[in-house]
Protein backbone atom coordinates (compact mmCIF):
# COMPACT_ATOMS: atom_id res chain seq x y z
CA MET A 1 -22.24 -64.76 20.31
CA ASP A 2 -22.63 -63.86 16.64
CA CYS A 3 -23.51 -60.47 15.09
CA GLN A 4 -27.15 -61.38 14.41
CA THR A 5 -28.15 -62.15 18.01
CA ARG A 6 -26.27 -59.33 19.75
CA PRO A 7 -28.74 -56.51 18.86
CA ASN A 8 -31.63 -58.54 20.33
CA THR A 9 -29.97 -58.93 23.75
CA GLN A 10 -28.36 -55.51 24.19
CA PRO A 11 -29.56 -52.29 22.51
CA PRO A 12 -26.96 -50.11 20.79
CA ARG A 13 -25.58 -47.45 23.11
CA SER A 14 -25.58 -44.74 20.44
CA ILE A 15 -29.39 -44.67 20.04
CA PRO A 16 -31.02 -41.99 22.30
CA LYS A 17 -32.97 -43.27 25.27
CA GLY A 18 -35.47 -40.40 25.30
CA LEU A 19 -38.09 -42.06 23.13
CA PRO A 20 -39.67 -44.38 25.77
CA GLY A 21 -40.69 -41.28 27.81
CA ILE A 22 -42.65 -39.62 25.01
CA ARG A 23 -46.03 -40.50 26.49
CA SER A 24 -45.19 -39.14 29.93
CA ARG A 25 -43.78 -35.95 28.41
CA LEU A 26 -46.87 -35.43 26.31
CA LEU A 27 -49.03 -35.85 29.40
CA LEU A 28 -46.77 -33.42 31.27
CA SER A 29 -47.09 -30.84 28.50
CA PHE A 30 -50.88 -31.29 28.48
CA PHE A 31 -51.15 -30.72 32.23
CA LEU A 32 -48.79 -27.75 32.12
CA LEU A 33 -50.76 -26.09 29.32
CA ALA A 34 -54.04 -26.86 31.09
CA GLY A 35 -52.63 -25.42 34.32
CA LEU A 36 -51.57 -22.23 32.54
CA ILE A 37 -55.01 -21.84 30.99
CA VAL A 38 -56.76 -22.44 34.33
CA PHE A 39 -54.43 -20.02 36.13
CA PHE A 40 -54.85 -17.18 33.66
CA GLY A 41 -58.58 -17.88 33.39
CA GLY A 42 -58.94 -17.68 37.18
CA ALA A 43 -56.85 -14.50 37.30
CA SER A 44 -59.02 -12.92 34.61
CA LEU A 45 -62.21 -13.86 36.48
CA TRP A 46 -60.76 -12.44 39.71
CA ILE A 47 -59.92 -9.13 38.01
CA ILE A 48 -63.39 -8.93 36.47
CA ASP A 49 -65.05 -9.79 39.81
CA SER A 50 -62.99 -7.15 41.68
CA THR A 51 -63.89 -4.52 39.12
CA ASN A 52 -67.54 -5.51 39.28
CA THR A 53 -67.56 -5.37 43.10
CA THR A 54 -66.08 -1.87 43.04
CA HIS A 55 -68.67 -0.71 40.50
CA ILE A 56 -71.51 -2.15 42.59
CA ALA A 57 -70.26 -0.37 45.73
CA GLU A 58 -70.08 2.95 43.91
CA LEU A 59 -73.55 2.45 42.46
CA GLN A 60 -74.85 1.70 45.95
CA LYS A 61 -73.44 4.99 47.23
CA GLN A 62 -75.00 6.76 44.27
CA LYS A 63 -78.31 5.14 45.13
CA GLN A 64 -78.06 6.27 48.77
CA LEU A 65 -77.36 9.84 47.67
CA LEU A 66 -80.43 9.81 45.41
CA GLN A 67 -82.50 8.47 48.31
CA ALA A 68 -81.21 11.31 50.50
CA ILE A 69 -82.24 13.87 47.86
CA ARG A 70 -85.68 12.27 47.63
CA ALA A 71 -86.05 12.21 51.45
CA ASN A 72 -85.05 15.88 51.63
CA GLN A 73 -87.74 16.74 49.09
CA MET A 74 -90.29 14.79 51.17
CA GLN A 75 -89.18 16.82 54.20
CA HIS A 76 -89.93 19.99 52.30
CA LEU A 77 -93.43 18.81 51.37
CA ALA A 78 -94.16 17.52 54.88
CA LEU A 79 -93.09 20.76 56.62
CA LEU A 80 -94.93 22.91 54.10
CA LYS A 81 -98.09 20.88 54.60
CA LEU A 82 -97.67 21.03 58.38
CA LYS A 83 -97.19 24.80 58.28
CA ASN A 84 -100.32 25.40 56.21
CA ASN A 85 -102.56 23.05 58.24
CA TRP A 86 -101.16 23.43 61.77
CA PRO A 87 -104.39 24.64 63.45
CA SER A 88 -106.56 21.94 61.86
CA TYR A 89 -104.28 18.97 62.80
CA PRO A 90 -105.04 17.25 66.12
CA LEU A 91 -102.23 16.81 68.62
CA ASN A 92 -101.52 13.13 67.93
CA GLU A 93 -101.26 13.74 64.17
CA ARG A 94 -98.85 16.63 64.76
CA GLU A 95 -96.72 14.35 66.93
CA ALA A 96 -96.73 11.61 64.24
CA ILE A 97 -95.74 14.02 61.44
CA LEU A 98 -92.97 15.63 63.52
CA ASP A 99 -91.63 12.24 64.61
CA GLU A 100 -91.61 10.98 61.02
CA THR A 101 -89.77 14.08 59.78
CA ARG A 102 -87.22 13.80 62.59
CA GLN A 103 -86.50 10.13 61.71
CA ARG A 104 -86.27 10.92 58.04
CA GLN A 105 -83.80 13.72 58.82
CA GLN A 106 -81.65 11.26 60.79
CA GLN A 107 -81.49 9.01 57.74
CA ILE A 108 -80.38 11.99 55.63
CA ILE A 109 -77.67 12.83 58.17
CA SER A 110 -76.47 9.21 58.21
CA THR A 111 -76.27 9.08 54.42
CA LEU A 112 -74.38 12.39 54.09
CA SER A 113 -71.79 11.26 56.65
CA GLN A 114 -70.47 8.75 54.06
CA PHE A 115 -69.66 11.42 51.45
CA THR A 116 -66.49 13.48 51.81
CA LEU A 117 -67.82 15.97 49.24
CA ALA A 118 -70.89 16.82 51.41
CA THR A 119 -69.24 18.27 54.56
CA LYS A 120 -71.20 21.55 54.52
CA GLU A 121 -74.40 19.80 53.59
CA TYR A 122 -73.88 17.40 56.49
CA ASP A 123 -73.57 20.35 58.91
CA GLU A 124 -76.74 21.91 57.50
CA ALA A 125 -78.59 18.61 57.89
CA LEU A 126 -77.46 18.40 61.53
CA VAL A 127 -78.85 21.88 62.22
CA LEU A 128 -82.16 20.94 60.61
CA GLY A 129 -82.20 17.74 62.64
CA GLN A 130 -81.73 19.70 65.86
CA GLN A 131 -84.55 22.07 64.94
CA LEU A 132 -86.86 19.15 64.16
CA SER A 133 -86.01 17.59 67.56
CA VAL A 134 -86.97 20.86 69.27
CA MET A 135 -90.27 20.93 67.33
CA SER A 136 -91.00 17.32 68.32
CA GLY A 137 -90.67 18.33 71.98
CA HIS A 138 -93.26 21.12 71.68
CA PRO A 139 -96.09 19.85 69.49
CA LEU A 140 -98.57 22.37 71.00
CA LYS A 141 -96.64 25.46 69.96
CA ALA A 142 -96.98 26.61 66.39
CA PRO A 143 -93.35 26.88 65.06
CA HIS A 144 -91.95 29.35 62.56
CA MET A 145 -91.00 26.98 59.71
CA ASN A 146 -90.23 29.47 56.92
CA GLY A 147 -86.50 29.38 57.64
CA MET A 148 -86.47 25.58 57.83
CA ILE A 149 -88.32 25.22 54.54
CA SER A 150 -85.91 27.62 52.84
CA ALA A 151 -82.93 25.70 54.29
CA ILE A 152 -84.37 22.43 53.02
CA ASP A 153 -84.78 23.90 49.52
CA HIS A 154 -81.18 25.11 49.59
CA LEU A 155 -80.00 21.69 50.81
CA SER A 156 -81.86 19.94 48.00
CA LEU A 157 -80.11 22.09 45.40
CA ARG A 158 -76.71 21.43 47.00
CA LEU A 159 -77.32 17.68 47.14
CA SER A 160 -78.36 17.61 43.46
CA GLY A 161 -75.07 19.30 42.54
CA ILE A 162 -73.13 16.81 44.64
CA GLY A 163 -75.01 13.99 42.91
CA LEU A 164 -73.99 15.23 39.47
CA THR A 165 -70.37 15.72 40.58
CA HIS A 166 -70.25 12.25 42.09
CA LEU A 167 -71.83 10.73 38.98
CA ASP A 168 -69.29 12.43 36.69
CA ALA A 169 -66.38 11.26 38.87
CA GLN A 170 -67.81 7.76 38.90
CA MET A 171 -68.05 7.70 35.11
CA GLN A 172 -64.39 8.72 34.78
CA LYS A 173 -63.38 6.17 37.37
CA ASN A 174 -65.36 3.43 35.62
CA SER A 175 -63.76 4.31 32.28
CA LYS A 176 -60.28 4.17 33.81
CA SER A 177 -61.08 0.90 35.57
CA LEU A 178 -62.37 -0.60 32.32
CA MET A 179 -59.17 0.38 30.48
CA GLN A 180 -57.05 -1.13 33.24
CA THR A 181 -59.07 -4.35 33.13
CA LEU A 182 -58.69 -4.61 29.36
CA LEU A 183 -54.96 -3.92 29.65
CA TRP A 184 -54.54 -6.68 32.22
CA LEU A 185 -56.51 -9.09 30.06
CA VAL A 186 -54.40 -8.28 26.99
CA LEU A 187 -51.14 -8.64 28.94
CA GLY A 188 -52.40 -11.89 30.44
CA SER A 189 -53.31 -13.25 27.01
CA LEU A 190 -49.87 -12.36 25.63
CA ALA A 191 -48.18 -13.96 28.63
CA LEU A 192 -50.31 -17.09 28.17
CA ILE A 193 -49.31 -17.31 24.50
CA VAL A 194 -45.60 -16.86 25.27
CA LEU A 195 -45.61 -19.34 28.13
CA SER A 196 -47.62 -21.92 26.21
CA GLN A 197 -45.22 -21.65 23.26
CA SER A 198 -42.27 -22.03 25.64
CA VAL A 199 -43.84 -25.09 27.23
CA ALA A 200 -44.66 -26.57 23.84
CA TRP A 201 -41.10 -26.09 22.61
CA THR A 202 -39.48 -27.28 25.84
CA VAL A 203 -41.61 -30.39 26.29
CA ILE A 204 -42.64 -31.32 22.73
CA GLY A 205 -39.86 -29.86 20.61
CA ARG A 206 -36.91 -30.47 22.88
CA HIS A 207 -37.95 -33.78 24.40
CA LEU A 208 -39.92 -35.25 21.48
CA LEU A 209 -38.79 -33.92 18.12
CA LYS A 210 -35.14 -33.62 19.05
CA PRO A 211 -34.86 -37.30 20.18
CA LEU A 212 -36.61 -38.35 16.96
CA LEU A 213 -34.13 -36.39 14.86
CA GLN A 214 -31.24 -37.80 16.84
CA THR A 215 -32.60 -41.29 16.35
CA SER A 216 -32.95 -40.68 12.61
CA ASN A 217 -29.34 -39.48 12.41
CA LYS A 218 -28.09 -42.49 14.33
CA LEU A 219 -30.00 -44.82 12.06
CA SER A 220 -28.40 -43.14 9.05
CA GLU A 221 -24.99 -43.63 10.63
CA LEU A 222 -25.75 -47.31 11.23
CA VAL A 223 -26.83 -47.70 7.61
CA GLU A 224 -23.56 -46.22 6.37
CA GLN A 225 -21.47 -48.57 8.50
CA ASN A 226 -20.23 -51.83 6.97
CA PHE A 227 -20.91 -53.83 10.18
CA GLY A 228 -17.30 -55.13 10.29
CA GLY A 229 -17.67 -57.09 7.06
CA ARG A 230 -20.40 -59.28 8.49
CA SER A 231 -24.01 -59.51 7.40
CA PRO A 232 -26.24 -57.01 9.29
CA ALA A 233 -29.06 -57.99 11.58
CA PRO A 234 -32.57 -58.35 10.05
CA VAL A 235 -33.69 -54.93 11.32
CA ASN A 236 -30.59 -53.26 9.92
CA ARG A 237 -31.01 -55.06 6.60
CA GLU A 238 -34.56 -53.74 6.29
CA THR A 239 -33.39 -50.24 7.18
CA LEU A 240 -30.64 -50.53 4.60
CA LYS A 241 -33.11 -51.61 1.93
CA ILE A 242 -35.46 -48.72 2.70
CA ASN A 243 -32.60 -46.23 2.64
CA HIS A 244 -31.30 -47.54 -0.71
CA ALA A 245 -34.81 -47.44 -2.16
CA LEU A 246 -35.27 -43.83 -1.08
CA LEU A 247 -31.91 -42.81 -2.50
CA SER A 248 -32.69 -44.58 -5.78
CA LEU A 249 -36.08 -42.89 -6.01
CA GLU A 250 -34.54 -39.50 -5.34
CA ALA A 251 -31.91 -40.07 -8.05
CA GLN A 252 -34.60 -41.10 -10.53
CA MET A 253 -36.66 -37.99 -9.74
CA ARG A 254 -33.61 -35.77 -10.23
CA ALA A 255 -32.74 -37.49 -13.50
CA LEU A 256 -36.33 -37.19 -14.74
CA THR A 257 -36.46 -33.51 -13.87
CA SER A 258 -33.11 -32.92 -15.53
CA GLU A 259 -34.20 -34.75 -18.69
CA GLN A 260 -37.37 -32.71 -18.87
CA GLN A 261 -35.58 -29.37 -18.61
CA GLN A 262 -32.15 -29.84 -20.23
CA ASP A 263 -30.88 -30.57 -23.71
CA GLU A 264 -29.20 -33.99 -23.84
CA LEU A 265 -26.17 -32.85 -25.85
CA THR A 266 -25.26 -29.43 -24.49
CA GLY A 267 -26.84 -29.45 -21.03
CA LEU A 268 -28.54 -26.13 -21.85
CA TYR A 269 -32.26 -25.55 -21.49
CA ASN A 270 -34.27 -27.40 -24.12
CA ARG A 271 -36.96 -25.85 -26.30
CA ARG A 272 -39.81 -26.87 -23.99
CA THR A 273 -38.21 -25.20 -20.98
CA PHE A 274 -37.29 -22.20 -23.12
CA ASN A 275 -40.94 -21.72 -24.08
CA GLN A 276 -41.98 -21.83 -20.42
CA LEU A 277 -39.31 -19.28 -19.48
CA MET A 278 -40.41 -17.09 -22.38
CA LYS A 279 -44.04 -17.14 -21.19
CA GLN A 280 -43.05 -16.32 -17.62
CA SER A 281 -40.78 -13.47 -18.70
CA TRP A 282 -43.49 -12.14 -21.02
CA HIS A 283 -46.08 -11.97 -18.21
CA LYS A 284 -43.55 -10.35 -15.86
CA GLY A 285 -42.77 -7.78 -18.53
CA ILE A 286 -46.47 -6.93 -18.87
CA VAL A 287 -46.86 -6.46 -15.11
CA ARG A 288 -43.58 -4.60 -14.50
CA GLN A 289 -43.46 -2.76 -17.85
CA HIS A 290 -40.04 -4.23 -18.74
CA ARG A 291 -38.76 -4.89 -22.26
CA ILE A 292 -37.56 -8.36 -23.33
CA GLY A 293 -34.64 -9.11 -25.64
CA LEU A 294 -33.99 -12.29 -27.62
CA LEU A 295 -30.83 -13.32 -29.43
CA LEU A 296 -30.96 -16.20 -31.95
CA ILE A 297 -27.43 -17.57 -32.48
CA GLN A 298 -26.73 -19.67 -35.57
CA SER A 299 -23.33 -21.01 -36.64
CA ASP A 300 -22.23 -19.92 -40.11
CA GLN A 301 -20.55 -23.29 -40.81
CA ALA A 302 -21.84 -26.82 -40.59
CA ILE A 303 -20.56 -28.19 -37.30
CA ALA A 304 -20.57 -31.56 -35.59
CA SER A 305 -22.08 -32.32 -32.22
CA GLU A 306 -18.71 -32.06 -30.49
CA THR A 307 -18.10 -28.57 -31.87
CA LEU A 308 -21.62 -27.50 -30.85
CA LEU A 309 -20.92 -28.73 -27.32
CA HIS A 310 -17.70 -26.65 -27.19
CA LEU A 311 -19.60 -23.61 -28.47
CA ALA A 312 -22.29 -24.02 -25.79
CA GLN A 313 -19.62 -24.30 -23.08
CA ARG A 314 -17.89 -21.13 -24.31
CA LEU A 315 -21.17 -19.23 -24.39
CA LEU A 316 -21.83 -20.28 -20.78
CA ASP A 317 -18.52 -18.64 -19.87
CA PHE A 318 -19.59 -15.36 -21.49
CA GLU A 319 -20.41 -12.88 -18.71
CA ILE A 320 -23.77 -11.11 -18.92
CA SER A 321 -25.09 -8.87 -16.19
CA GLY A 322 -28.67 -9.37 -15.13
CA GLU A 323 -31.09 -12.23 -15.59
CA HIS A 324 -30.61 -14.35 -18.77
CA PHE A 325 -31.34 -17.85 -20.09
CA LEU A 326 -29.42 -19.82 -22.72
CA ALA A 327 -31.16 -22.66 -24.58
CA ARG A 328 -30.76 -24.91 -27.62
CA LEU A 329 -33.71 -24.69 -29.97
CA GLN A 330 -32.74 -26.88 -32.94
CA GLN A 331 -29.62 -28.42 -34.50
CA SER A 332 -26.92 -25.72 -34.22
CA GLN A 333 -29.25 -22.86 -33.30
CA LEU A 334 -29.08 -21.41 -29.79
CA ALA A 335 -31.23 -18.77 -28.12
CA LEU A 336 -30.31 -16.22 -25.44
CA LEU A 337 -33.28 -14.72 -23.56
CA LEU A 338 -32.60 -11.33 -21.95
CA PRO A 339 -35.47 -10.11 -19.75
CA ASN A 340 -35.44 -6.45 -18.70
CA GLN A 341 -32.88 -5.34 -21.33
CA ASP A 342 -33.24 -2.39 -23.72
CA PRO A 343 -32.50 -2.67 -27.49
CA GLU A 344 -29.09 -0.95 -27.25
CA ALA A 345 -27.93 -3.39 -24.56
CA CYS A 346 -29.06 -6.36 -26.66
CA ILE A 347 -27.11 -5.08 -29.69
CA ARG A 348 -23.98 -4.58 -27.58
CA ILE A 349 -24.24 -8.10 -26.16
CA ALA A 350 -24.71 -9.59 -29.66
CA GLN A 351 -21.68 -7.75 -31.04
CA SER A 352 -19.59 -8.85 -28.07
CA LEU A 353 -20.72 -12.44 -28.66
CA ASN A 354 -19.55 -12.25 -32.29
CA GLN A 355 -16.07 -11.19 -31.17
CA PHE A 356 -16.09 -13.67 -28.30
CA VAL A 357 -16.88 -16.66 -30.54
CA LEU A 358 -14.32 -15.57 -33.10
CA ALA A 359 -11.65 -15.22 -30.41
CA ALA A 360 -12.49 -18.69 -29.08
CA ASN A 361 -10.83 -20.16 -32.20
CA LEU A 362 -13.30 -23.03 -32.56
CA ARG A 363 -13.08 -25.06 -35.80
CA ALA A 364 -15.51 -27.48 -37.35
CA LYS A 365 -12.58 -29.52 -38.68
CA THR A 366 -8.82 -29.39 -38.32
CA GLN A 367 -8.11 -27.38 -41.49
CA SER A 368 -11.42 -25.45 -41.58
CA PRO A 369 -11.56 -21.72 -40.83
CA ARG A 370 -12.50 -20.41 -37.42
CA LEU A 371 -16.11 -20.83 -36.36
CA THR A 372 -18.31 -17.73 -36.61
CA VAL A 373 -21.95 -17.11 -35.79
CA SER A 374 -24.76 -14.93 -37.07
CA ILE A 375 -27.00 -13.36 -34.46
CA GLY A 376 -30.52 -12.04 -34.88
CA VAL A 377 -31.55 -9.47 -32.29
CA ALA A 378 -35.14 -8.64 -31.31
CA ASN A 379 -36.46 -6.49 -28.46
CA ILE A 380 -40.14 -5.91 -27.59
CA GLN A 381 -42.22 -4.26 -24.91
CA PRO A 382 -44.66 -7.04 -23.85
CA SER A 383 -48.36 -6.24 -23.96
CA ARG A 384 -51.63 -8.09 -23.73
CA GLN A 385 -52.44 -7.27 -27.36
CA ASN A 386 -49.65 -9.47 -28.78
CA ASN A 387 -47.98 -12.75 -27.86
CA TRP A 388 -44.40 -13.80 -27.18
CA ASP A 389 -44.37 -15.53 -30.56
CA SER A 390 -43.92 -12.09 -32.11
CA LEU A 391 -40.56 -11.76 -30.35
CA VAL A 392 -39.35 -15.07 -31.84
CA PHE A 393 -40.63 -14.09 -35.29
CA GLN A 394 -38.71 -10.79 -35.24
CA ALA A 395 -35.55 -12.54 -34.02
CA GLU A 396 -35.80 -15.05 -36.90
CA GLU A 397 -36.14 -12.21 -39.44
CA ALA A 398 -33.12 -10.47 -37.93
CA LEU A 399 -31.10 -13.72 -38.03
CA LEU A 400 -31.91 -14.14 -41.74
CA SER A 401 -30.75 -10.58 -42.35
CA ALA A 402 -27.45 -11.27 -40.54
CA GLN A 403 -26.87 -14.42 -42.60
CA ASN A 404 -27.57 -12.56 -45.86
CA ARG A 405 -24.85 -10.09 -44.95
CA GLY A 406 -22.30 -12.87 -45.03
CA GLY A 407 -22.37 -14.05 -41.44
CA ASN A 408 -20.15 -13.23 -38.46
CA CYS A 409 -22.33 -10.25 -37.64
CA SER A 410 -25.41 -9.18 -35.70
CA ALA A 411 -28.58 -7.66 -37.08
CA GLY A 412 -31.74 -6.24 -35.61
CA VAL A 413 -35.18 -6.37 -37.15
CA ASN A 414 -35.24 -2.55 -37.35
């Protein structure tokens, strides 16, 4: 069996086998995430429902206490009316009023039995209930109800105080319950986020993206192989073509970017890139209140391209602390941009460069003297009132001054 038919009958062993299960894993992740959302949603609803049930029960007790206070006030009015009109009421009406007050008092006693804060009031209500039972048994005898009426007034005041105390406690309890509910909801939301992220990474990242990356790496390995000197299968040939096309495109993009930014001869920044760097440094200097220095370097002798290349390489070896950019502007003129440098530092660097170039022992020709340079130094505080062109103009004036002094020196505009 030849090399071209083998891949069609038996898949390569090095390619991961996790890709065919992508659909099932995606479905699994969907159901797991849906299950987490349903679970935490149900838990949140259960917490809210439990809190609501508790609040309703407490409100019901509060309602019963208010009904007891209202019934006690009705007892006061009924007994007071019965006391004032006892002789004029017929016997059956007396019996009806006494029976109604006795039943109402039983309701008050039943309500107060549910409150632990109303123990004394419950005992007082029992005493009043017993007195009302005695009165119901003797409807013909005019009772002395002054003491009962006074006791009912006192009980009403006590019940009102209990109502306020219970209401205040309920408000504090409701506030605490609300904070606990919010805390549980926040913790549940955080747990849902963490678990969902874990599920997403485990199912999607680990079982989907990782196999894809492994497959991509294996394909790259297959492309780099020589297939034993034989012609690759059609699929591998297409993969090889695509890979070569991508590599060629990447190389072209790098070359194009390099050509746009670098000088062809020296490999330094060209004038276009230098202008962009100058603008960027100028705006940074305005924002950060930093000065900018510029050194224009011009050879004092006429030099060939090869000598200029050696000079550029030597200048690249010159050590300068801080941010700096070296570019070729024209012919044998170079520029050194020094952002965030004061005038004294720029002068020191220029003087060191003069000595450095002289010590390099570069010569335009075999018998010509050693190469020297003139350096014009400029340093400006950037502002919005002027432009970066002013820095170049000052550096050019300083360079002309250095050349007029005979060369091999540095000069500043001031």
